[in-house]
């Protein structure tokens, strides 16, 4: 028994894709301005801040590209969930690229600690202030509409938090330039660059961890909490073999064996509706497959998942009792 409500969610105001596209454009403009300003003024802090904006450009464009391609590729017998997982591979590529860029900034910062470069602090203040203004604009664009499902959209929420972080790093960059103008401490510029690199690394590691978690089929939500909520439903006597995973950041899949007080198939329809509501609204499940069992059925087999990589070479397993029960 399954439920597949679709991948797109209606909402008031601009769609998630529109918000991501507008913010990507703003971040791209900010990244170009600050990178050019950094090379022209000699400020490594500006260059690293431009990389932080590039991070958000990549995140937004990868989400948009993945959605655009996936929405044009219908699920098939060969690709059960279409091409939605393309987003995950894009995320891995972007995260690895950011690690490389961060390493280059760290290398340059170490050199500048040894051999400080002159900085045009006045122009750096102009470029960093423009960057701050653009980051604030992107933050407003990405702010989810109140009272809509966009508030629960993980991609939009992540992009919004990234934009807010960018605005804070821009504030730090402006403050560092004011400090250099007041004291003449040139080492402050590579120091603030390293601080911004830490922010970039945190974002890159988070991207890589999320992508790896999806590829490893990490549980998409707290199973103990979900099982407890399902057990509160009338007539539900047990929840076994509960599994959840994400195909991409938007699509959560769940399967379970549910022991219910029913003897005929038509009696399970109310249970299906209640369980769909609990898992859909409370845990973001977008595609649900359930196997209903009576108490007697559940008692006749176990629900352990057993898998061994080692092949014996024999046509039949040596220990048939180790095989899990299949449906």
Protein backbone atom coordinates (compact mmCIF):
# COMPACT_ATOMS: atom_id res chain seq x y z
CA UNK A 1 0.00 0.00 0.00
CA UNK A 2 1.59 3.24 -1.03
CA UNK A 3 1.11 6.95 -1.08
CA UNK A 4 2.94 9.32 -3.37
CA UNK A 5 1.75 12.93 -3.10
CA UNK A 6 4.30 14.29 -5.60
CA UNK A 7 7.45 16.28 -5.41
CA UNK A 8 6.24 19.87 -5.70
CA UNK A 9 4.48 21.69 -2.92
CA UNK A 10 2.14 24.62 -3.57
CA UNK A 11 2.85 27.72 -1.54
CA UNK A 12 2.00 31.38 -1.41
CA UNK A 13 4.38 33.94 -2.84
CA UNK A 14 7.47 33.07 -4.92
CA UNK A 15 8.19 29.37 -5.28
CA UNK A 16 11.24 27.76 -3.73
CA UNK A 17 12.87 27.52 -7.17
CA UNK A 18 12.25 31.23 -7.84
CA UNK A 19 13.74 32.21 -4.48
CA UNK A 20 16.80 30.04 -5.07
CA UNK A 21 17.27 31.47 -8.56
CA UNK A 22 17.02 35.11 -7.44
CA UNK A 23 19.34 34.56 -4.49
CA UNK A 24 21.85 32.70 -6.69
CA UNK A 25 21.97 35.72 -8.98
CA UNK A 26 22.52 38.08 -6.05
CA UNK A 27 25.24 35.87 -4.56
CA UNK A 28 26.95 35.57 -7.95
CA UNK A 29 27.05 39.37 -8.32
CA UNK A 30 28.42 39.70 -4.80
CA UNK A 31 31.05 36.99 -5.40
CA UNK A 32 32.28 38.65 -8.61
CA UNK A 33 32.39 42.14 -7.07
CA UNK A 34 34.23 41.00 -3.96
CA UNK A 35 36.67 38.75 -5.83
CA UNK A 36 37.56 41.57 -8.21
CA UNK A 37 37.77 44.01 -5.29
CA UNK A 38 39.95 41.60 -3.34
CA UNK A 39 42.51 41.22 -6.12
CA UNK A 40 42.50 44.96 -6.85
CA UNK A 41 42.82 46.14 -3.24
CA UNK A 42 45.08 43.30 -2.06
CA UNK A 43 42.57 42.13 0.58
CA UNK A 44 42.55 38.37 1.17
CA UNK A 45 39.53 38.89 3.43
CA UNK A 46 37.50 40.09 0.45
CA UNK A 47 38.63 37.12 -1.64
CA UNK A 48 37.62 34.65 1.07
CA UNK A 49 34.27 36.43 1.52
CA UNK A 50 33.70 36.07 -2.22
CA UNK A 51 34.30 32.33 -1.84
CA UNK A 52 31.66 32.20 0.88
CA UNK A 53 29.23 33.77 -1.59
CA UNK A 54 30.37 31.30 -4.23
CA UNK A 55 29.48 28.55 -1.77
CA UNK A 56 25.88 29.77 -1.73
CA UNK A 57 25.81 30.15 -5.51
CA UNK A 58 26.88 26.52 -5.85
CA UNK A 59 24.39 25.26 -3.28
CA UNK A 60 21.48 27.10 -4.89
CA UNK A 61 22.42 26.27 -8.48
CA UNK A 62 22.96 22.59 -7.65
CA UNK A 63 19.54 22.43 -6.01
CA UNK A 64 17.94 24.17 -9.01
CA UNK A 65 19.77 22.03 -11.55
CA UNK A 66 18.94 18.83 -9.72
CA UNK A 67 15.26 19.77 -9.47
CA UNK A 68 15.08 20.90 -13.11
CA UNK A 69 16.58 17.67 -14.44
CA UNK A 70 14.75 15.42 -11.99
CA UNK A 71 11.36 16.99 -12.72
CA UNK A 72 11.86 16.21 -16.41
CA UNK A 73 12.76 12.59 -15.80
CA UNK A 74 9.76 10.53 -14.79
CA UNK A 75 10.26 7.47 -12.55
CA UNK A 76 10.60 4.24 -14.51
CA UNK A 77 11.14 0.55 -13.93
CA UNK A 78 14.88 1.16 -14.22
CA UNK A 79 15.00 4.36 -12.12
CA UNK A 80 12.33 3.89 -9.48
CA UNK A 81 12.58 7.47 -8.17
CA UNK A 82 13.64 9.19 -11.37
CA UNK A 83 16.78 11.32 -11.27
CA UNK A 84 16.17 13.12 -8.00
CA UNK A 85 19.37 11.73 -6.48
CA UNK A 86 21.36 13.76 -9.00
CA UNK A 87 21.16 16.55 -6.43
CA UNK A 88 23.27 14.47 -4.04
CA UNK A 89 26.09 13.95 -6.54
CA UNK A 90 26.05 17.67 -7.33
CA UNK A 91 26.37 18.40 -3.62
CA UNK A 92 29.37 16.10 -3.28
CA UNK A 93 31.13 17.77 -6.21
CA UNK A 94 30.44 21.26 -4.85
CA UNK A 95 31.60 20.37 -1.35
CA UNK A 96 34.88 18.93 -2.61
CA UNK A 97 35.50 22.00 -4.75
CA UNK A 98 34.97 24.27 -1.75
CA UNK A 99 37.51 22.29 0.25
CA UNK A 100 40.06 22.90 -2.49
CA UNK A 101 39.33 26.64 -2.63
CA UNK A 102 39.53 26.89 1.17
CA UNK A 103 42.93 25.18 1.14
CA UNK A 104 44.20 27.75 -1.40
CA UNK A 105 43.04 30.63 0.83
CA UNK A 106 44.74 29.09 3.89
CA UNK A 107 47.99 28.75 1.94
CA UNK A 108 47.85 32.39 0.84
CA UNK A 109 46.99 33.53 4.38
CA UNK A 110 50.06 31.79 5.80
CA UNK A 111 52.23 33.55 3.21
CA UNK A 112 50.73 36.91 4.11
CA UNK A 113 51.38 36.42 7.80
CA UNK A 114 55.06 36.10 6.86
CA UNK A 115 55.05 38.82 4.20
CA UNK A 116 52.20 41.31 4.78
CA UNK A 117 50.76 43.02 1.70
CA UNK A 118 49.59 46.63 1.55
CA UNK A 119 45.80 46.96 1.57
CA UNK A 120 43.60 49.77 0.24
CA UNK A 121 41.33 49.74 3.27
CA UNK A 122 39.08 52.52 1.99
CA UNK A 123 38.13 50.62 -1.15
CA UNK A 124 37.88 47.36 0.81
CA UNK A 125 35.26 49.06 3.00
CA UNK A 126 33.33 50.05 -0.13
CA UNK A 127 33.38 46.52 -1.56
CA UNK A 128 32.65 44.82 1.76
CA UNK A 129 29.73 47.20 2.40
CA UNK A 130 28.33 46.37 -1.04
CA UNK A 131 28.74 42.69 -0.22
CA UNK A 132 26.90 43.16 3.06
CA UNK A 133 24.03 44.92 1.27
CA UNK A 134 23.74 42.16 -1.33
CA UNK A 135 23.87 39.44 1.34
CA UNK A 136 21.04 41.15 3.23
CA UNK A 137 19.02 41.30 0.00
CA UNK A 138 19.58 37.58 -0.59
CA UNK A 139 18.57 36.83 3.00
CA UNK A 140 15.26 38.65 2.49
CA UNK A 141 14.65 36.85 -0.80
CA UNK A 142 15.24 33.45 0.83
CA UNK A 143 13.15 34.11 3.92
CA UNK A 144 10.34 31.51 3.81
CA UNK A 145 6.78 32.77 3.64
CA UNK A 146 5.16 32.59 7.07
CA UNK A 147 2.40 30.02 7.45
CA UNK A 148 3.31 28.06 4.29
CA UNK A 149 5.05 24.74 3.64
CA UNK A 150 8.15 26.68 2.61
CA UNK A 151 8.90 27.02 6.32
CA UNK A 152 9.58 23.26 6.33
CA UNK A 153 11.50 23.17 3.03
CA UNK A 154 14.98 21.99 3.98
CA UNK A 155 16.69 23.43 0.89
CA UNK A 156 15.15 26.87 1.35
CA UNK A 157 15.81 26.88 5.09
CA UNK A 158 19.45 25.87 4.56
CA UNK A 159 19.97 28.55 1.90
CA UNK A 160 18.40 31.15 4.19
CA UNK A 161 20.75 30.26 7.05
CA UNK A 162 23.74 30.38 4.69
CA UNK A 163 22.75 33.85 3.52
CA UNK A 164 22.37 35.03 7.11
CA UNK A 165 25.83 33.65 7.91
CA UNK A 166 27.25 35.46 4.89
CA UNK A 167 25.82 38.72 6.16
CA UNK A 168 27.54 38.17 9.51
CA UNK A 169 30.89 37.45 7.85
CA UNK A 170 30.50 40.65 5.83
CA UNK A 171 29.95 42.56 9.06
CA UNK A 172 33.15 41.00 10.42
CA UNK A 173 35.04 42.00 7.29
CA UNK A 174 33.88 45.63 7.58
CA UNK A 175 34.90 45.67 11.25
CA UNK A 176 38.34 44.25 10.43
CA UNK A 177 38.98 46.97 7.83
CA UNK A 178 38.03 49.65 10.35
CA UNK A 179 40.49 48.06 12.80
CA UNK A 180 43.29 48.06 10.20
CA UNK A 181 42.65 51.72 9.38
CA UNK A 182 42.80 52.59 13.07
CA UNK A 183 45.84 50.51 14.03
CA UNK A 184 47.74 49.66 10.84
CA UNK A 185 47.78 45.97 11.76
CA UNK A 186 48.04 44.32 8.32
CA UNK A 187 47.89 40.83 9.86
CA UNK A 188 44.20 41.36 10.62
CA UNK A 189 43.33 40.84 6.93
CA UNK A 190 44.71 37.26 6.61
CA UNK A 191 43.36 36.56 10.11
CA UNK A 192 39.80 37.48 9.12
CA UNK A 193 40.29 35.47 5.92
CA UNK A 194 41.06 32.38 8.03
CA UNK A 195 37.94 33.00 10.14
CA UNK A 196 35.82 33.16 6.99
CA UNK A 197 37.53 30.00 5.72
CA UNK A 198 36.36 28.24 8.89
CA UNK A 199 32.80 29.25 8.01
CA UNK A 200 33.33 27.93 4.47
CA UNK A 201 34.75 24.65 5.80
CA UNK A 202 31.83 24.24 8.16
CA UNK A 203 29.43 24.64 5.25
CA UNK A 204 31.41 22.34 2.98
CA UNK A 205 31.68 19.60 5.62
CA UNK A 206 27.95 19.92 6.33
CA UNK A 207 27.19 19.51 2.61
CA UNK A 208 29.44 16.45 2.34
CA UNK A 209 28.00 14.89 5.50
CA UNK A 210 24.43 15.36 4.28
CA UNK A 211 25.25 13.89 0.88
CA UNK A 212 27.08 10.93 2.43
CA UNK A 213 24.17 10.34 4.81
CA UNK A 214 21.72 10.17 1.92
CA UNK A 215 23.95 7.81 -0.06
CA UNK A 216 24.37 5.59 3.03
CA UNK A 217 20.57 5.52 3.55
CA UNK A 218 20.84 7.19 6.95
CA UNK A 219 17.47 7.30 8.72
CA UNK A 220 15.56 10.39 7.63
CA UNK A 221 13.97 10.97 11.05
CA UNK A 222 13.84 9.71 14.63
CA UNK A 223 12.38 6.20 14.37
CA UNK A 224 11.78 5.81 18.09
CA UNK A 225 9.69 9.00 18.18
CA UNK A 226 7.79 8.02 15.02
CA UNK A 227 7.12 4.53 16.36
CA UNK A 228 5.83 5.99 19.63
CA UNK A 229 3.48 8.33 17.73
CA UNK A 230 2.16 5.48 15.58
CA UNK A 231 1.55 3.29 18.61
CA UNK A 232 -0.80 5.97 19.95
CA UNK A 233 -3.16 5.40 17.03
CA UNK A 234 -6.23 3.27 17.88
CA UNK A 235 -5.91 -0.31 16.69
CA UNK A 236 -2.15 -0.19 16.05
CA UNK A 237 -0.50 -2.94 18.09
CA UNK A 238 3.04 -2.90 16.75
CA UNK A 239 5.39 -1.22 14.28
CA UNK A 240 8.15 -3.46 12.94
CA UNK A 241 10.87 -3.11 10.33
CA UNK A 242 10.46 0.66 10.17
CA UNK A 243 12.84 2.11 7.60
CA UNK A 244 13.28 5.62 6.23
CA UNK A 245 15.71 7.26 3.87
CA UNK A 246 16.04 10.27 1.61
CA UNK A 247 16.29 10.09 -2.16
CA UNK A 248 17.25 13.79 -2.18
CA UNK A 249 16.80 16.67 0.24
CA UNK A 250 13.11 16.97 -0.72
CA UNK A 251 11.97 13.36 -0.96
CA UNK A 252 11.69 11.13 2.13
CA UNK A 253 10.71 7.47 1.71
CA UNK A 254 9.38 5.21 4.45
CA UNK A 255 8.39 1.56 4.72
CA UNK A 256 7.08 -0.40 7.69
CA UNK A 257 5.30 -3.53 8.86
CA UNK A 258 2.37 -2.53 11.06
CA UNK A 259 0.50 -4.94 13.31
CA UNK A 260 -3.18 -3.91 13.49
CA UNK A 261 -6.49 -5.15 14.87
CA UNK A 262 -7.92 -6.26 11.53
CA UNK A 263 -8.64 -9.50 9.75
CA UNK A 264 -9.54 -8.36 6.22
CA UNK A 265 -7.75 -6.05 3.76
CA UNK A 266 -10.60 -3.54 3.54
CA UNK A 267 -10.43 -3.03 7.29
CA UNK A 268 -6.92 -1.55 7.02
CA UNK A 269 -7.90 1.57 5.04
CA UNK A 270 -8.53 3.75 8.14
CA UNK A 271 -5.14 2.70 9.54
CA UNK A 272 -3.45 3.69 6.28
CA UNK A 273 -4.99 7.17 6.33
CA UNK A 274 -4.05 7.78 9.97
CA UNK A 275 -0.47 6.56 9.52
CA UNK A 276 -0.02 8.65 6.35
CA UNK A 277 -1.12 11.73 8.26
CA UNK A 278 1.21 11.11 11.23
CA UNK A 279 4.29 10.38 9.11
CA UNK A 280 3.54 12.98 6.45
CA UNK A 281 2.80 15.93 8.72
CA UNK A 282 5.12 15.04 11.59
CA UNK A 283 8.12 13.56 9.78
CA UNK A 284 7.97 14.84 6.20
CA UNK A 285 7.39 11.43 4.59
CA UNK A 286 6.47 11.90 0.92
CA UNK A 287 6.22 8.26 -0.19
CA UNK A 288 4.97 5.56 2.17
CA UNK A 289 4.73 1.80 1.73
CA UNK A 290 3.06 -0.26 4.47
CA UNK A 291 2.61 -3.96 5.05
CA UNK A 292 -0.24 -4.66 7.45
CA UNK A 293 -0.16 -7.77 9.63
CA UNK A 294 -2.43 -9.35 12.18
CA UNK A 295 -1.01 -10.41 15.52
CA UNK A 296 -0.91 -14.03 14.37
CA UNK A 297 0.98 -13.14 11.19
CA UNK A 298 3.54 -11.10 13.11
CA UNK A 299 4.16 -13.94 15.55
CA UNK A 300 5.10 -16.38 12.79
CA UNK A 301 8.30 -14.62 11.69
CA UNK A 302 10.94 -12.14 12.78
CA UNK A 303 11.63 -8.75 11.25
CA UNK A 304 15.40 -8.65 11.55
CA UNK A 305 17.39 -7.45 8.56
CA UNK A 306 20.23 -9.89 7.91
CA UNK A 307 22.69 -9.49 5.06
CA UNK A 308 26.15 -10.89 4.52
CA UNK A 309 28.60 -9.80 1.85
CA UNK A 310 30.52 -13.09 1.88
CA UNK A 311 29.33 -15.49 -0.81
CA UNK A 312 29.67 -19.23 -0.10
CA UNK A 313 29.64 -20.22 -3.75
CA UNK A 314 26.88 -22.67 -3.02
CA UNK A 315 23.55 -22.57 -4.81
CA UNK A 316 21.67 -22.64 -1.50
CA UNK A 317 22.61 -20.91 1.77
CA UNK A 318 24.27 -23.03 4.41
CA UNK A 319 22.13 -21.58 7.20
CA UNK A 320 18.58 -21.08 5.93
CA UNK A 321 17.44 -20.14 9.42
CA UNK A 322 19.49 -16.91 9.13
CA UNK A 323 17.44 -15.65 6.20
CA UNK A 324 14.91 -12.92 7.00
CA UNK A 325 11.26 -13.39 6.23
CA UNK A 326 10.31 -11.82 2.89
CA UNK A 327 7.07 -10.40 1.61
